[in-house]
Amino acid sequence: MNNQENFFDSKMIANFLIALALLFSAVYYYNYSEEIEREINVVIVDSLKDVNNSLAEQDTARR
């Protein structure tokens, strides 16, 4: 068995890239959290309005 192991093997590089991506995502989210929260709220509210309109249209079509 070889006593010297490769320090930068493929698993190590993959884990490093994943950790780097997570760190970048955390920094990006921290910097833009208010804008991201506003956009998410807009999408959710618009979706709920669409569902409400769809249900109202179905209800009036049945009558």
C-alpha atoms as a PDB file:
ATOM      1  CA  MET A   1       0.000   0.000   0.000  1.00  0.00           C
ATOM      2  CA  ASN A   2       1.279   3.431  -0.869  1.00  0.00           C
ATOM      3  CA  ASN A   3       1.940   5.626   2.188  1.00  0.00           C
ATOM      4  CA  GLN A   4       1.638   8.857   0.234  1.00  0.00           C
ATOM      5  CA  GLU A   5      -1.932   9.776  -0.618  1.00  0.00           C
ATOM      6  CA  ASN A   6      -2.872  12.334  -3.197  1.00  0.00           C
ATOM      7  CA  PHE A   7      -3.967  15.479  -1.369  1.00  0.00           C
ATOM      8  CA  PHE A   8      -6.098  16.747  -4.249  1.00  0.00           C
ATOM      9  CA  ASP A   9      -8.034  13.691  -5.333  1.00  0.00           C
ATOM     10  CA  SER A  10     -11.330  13.953  -7.210  1.00  0.00           C
ATOM     11  CA  LYS A  11     -13.521  13.702  -4.095  1.00  0.00           C
ATOM     12  CA  MET A  12     -11.550  16.452  -2.384  1.00  0.00           C
ATOM     13  CA  ILE A  13     -11.891  18.748  -5.409  1.00  0.00           C
ATOM     14  CA  ALA A  14     -15.627  18.017  -5.711  1.00  0.00           C
ATOM     15  CA  ASN A  15     -16.205  18.705  -2.013  1.00  0.00           C
ATOM     16  CA  PHE A  16     -14.185  21.912  -2.255  1.00  0.00           C
ATOM     17  CA  LEU A  17     -16.245  23.105  -5.230  1.00  0.00           C
ATOM     18  CA  ILE A  18     -19.499  22.317  -3.413  1.00  0.00           C
ATOM     19  CA  ALA A  19     -18.324  24.152  -0.302  1.00  0.00           C
ATOM     20  CA  LEU A  20     -17.268  27.114  -2.439  1.00  0.00           C
ATOM     21  CA  ALA A  21     -20.655  27.194  -4.174  1.00  0.00           C
ATOM     22  CA  LEU A  22     -22.467  27.076  -0.824  1.00  0.00           C
ATOM     23  CA  LEU A  23     -20.299  29.865   0.537  1.00  0.00           C
ATOM     24  CA  PHE A  24     -20.907  31.980  -2.571  1.00  0.00           C
ATOM     25  CA  SER A  25     -24.666  31.331  -2.311  1.00  0.00           C
ATOM     26  CA  ALA A  26     -24.695  32.332   1.360  1.00  0.00           C
ATOM     27  CA  VAL A  27     -22.843  35.579   0.650  1.00  0.00           C
ATOM     28  CA  TYR A  28     -25.113  36.347  -2.298  1.00  0.00           C
ATOM     29  CA  TYR A  29     -28.228  35.654  -0.213  1.00  0.00           C
ATOM     30  CA  TYR A  30     -26.907  37.789   2.641  1.00  0.00           C
ATOM     31  CA  ASN A  31     -26.260  40.718   0.310  1.00  0.00           C
ATOM     32  CA  TYR A  32     -29.582  40.496  -1.538  1.00  0.00           C
ATOM     33  CA  SER A  33     -31.874  38.959   1.102  1.00  0.00           C
ATOM     34  CA  GLU A  34     -34.388  41.827   1.142  1.00  0.00           C
ATOM     35  CA  GLU A  35     -34.745  41.855  -2.638  1.00  0.00           C
ATOM     36  CA  ILE A  36     -35.021  38.053  -2.745  1.00  0.00           C
ATOM     37  CA  GLU A  37     -37.685  38.140  -0.020  1.00  0.00           C
ATOM     38  CA  ARG A  38     -39.680  40.787  -1.935  1.00  0.00           C
ATOM     39  CA  GLU A  39     -39.519  38.775  -5.151  1.00  0.00           C
ATOM     40  CA  ILE A  40     -40.616  35.584  -3.390  1.00  0.00           C
ATOM     41  CA  ASN A  41     -43.523  37.426  -1.786  1.00  0.00           C
ATOM     42  CA  VAL A  42     -44.571  38.865  -5.157  1.00  0.00           C
ATOM     43  CA  VAL A  43     -44.508  35.413  -6.769  1.00  0.00           C
ATOM     44  CA  ILE A  44     -46.486  33.830  -3.932  1.00  0.00           C
ATOM     45  CA  VAL A  45     -49.089  36.613  -3.810  1.00  0.00           C
ATOM     46  CA  ASP A  46     -49.520  36.561  -7.592  1.00  0.00           C
ATOM     47  CA  SER A  47     -49.929  32.776  -7.520  1.00  0.00           C
ATOM     48  CA  LEU A  48     -52.569  33.030  -4.806  1.00  0.00           C
ATOM     49  CA  LYS A  49     -54.415  35.701  -6.802  1.00  0.00           C
ATOM     50  CA  ASP A  50     -54.354  33.469  -9.892  1.00  0.00           C
ATOM     51  CA  VAL A  51     -55.712  30.531  -7.892  1.00  0.00           C
ATOM     52  CA  ASN A  52     -58.404  32.743  -6.387  1.00  0.00           C
ATOM     53  CA  ASN A  53     -59.422  34.041  -9.828  1.00  0.00           C
ATOM     54  CA  SER A  54     -59.482  30.528 -11.231  1.00  0.00           C
ATOM     55  CA  LEU A  55     -61.696  29.296  -8.397  1.00  0.00           C
ATOM     56  CA  ALA A  56     -64.006  32.291  -8.837  1.00  0.00           C
ATOM     57  CA  GLU A  57     -64.318  31.575 -12.572  1.00  0.00           C
ATOM     58  CA  GLN A  58     -65.098  27.916 -11.895  1.00  0.00           C
ATOM     59  CA  ASP A  59     -67.696  28.882  -9.318  1.00  0.00           C
ATOM     60  CA  THR A  60     -69.454  31.324 -11.667  1.00  0.00           C
ATOM     61  CA  ALA A  61     -69.373  28.790 -14.520  1.00  0.00           C
ATOM     62  CA  ARG A  62     -71.231  26.225 -12.373  1.00  0.00           C
ATOM     63  CA  ARG A  63     -74.073  28.615 -11.565  1.00  0.00           C
END
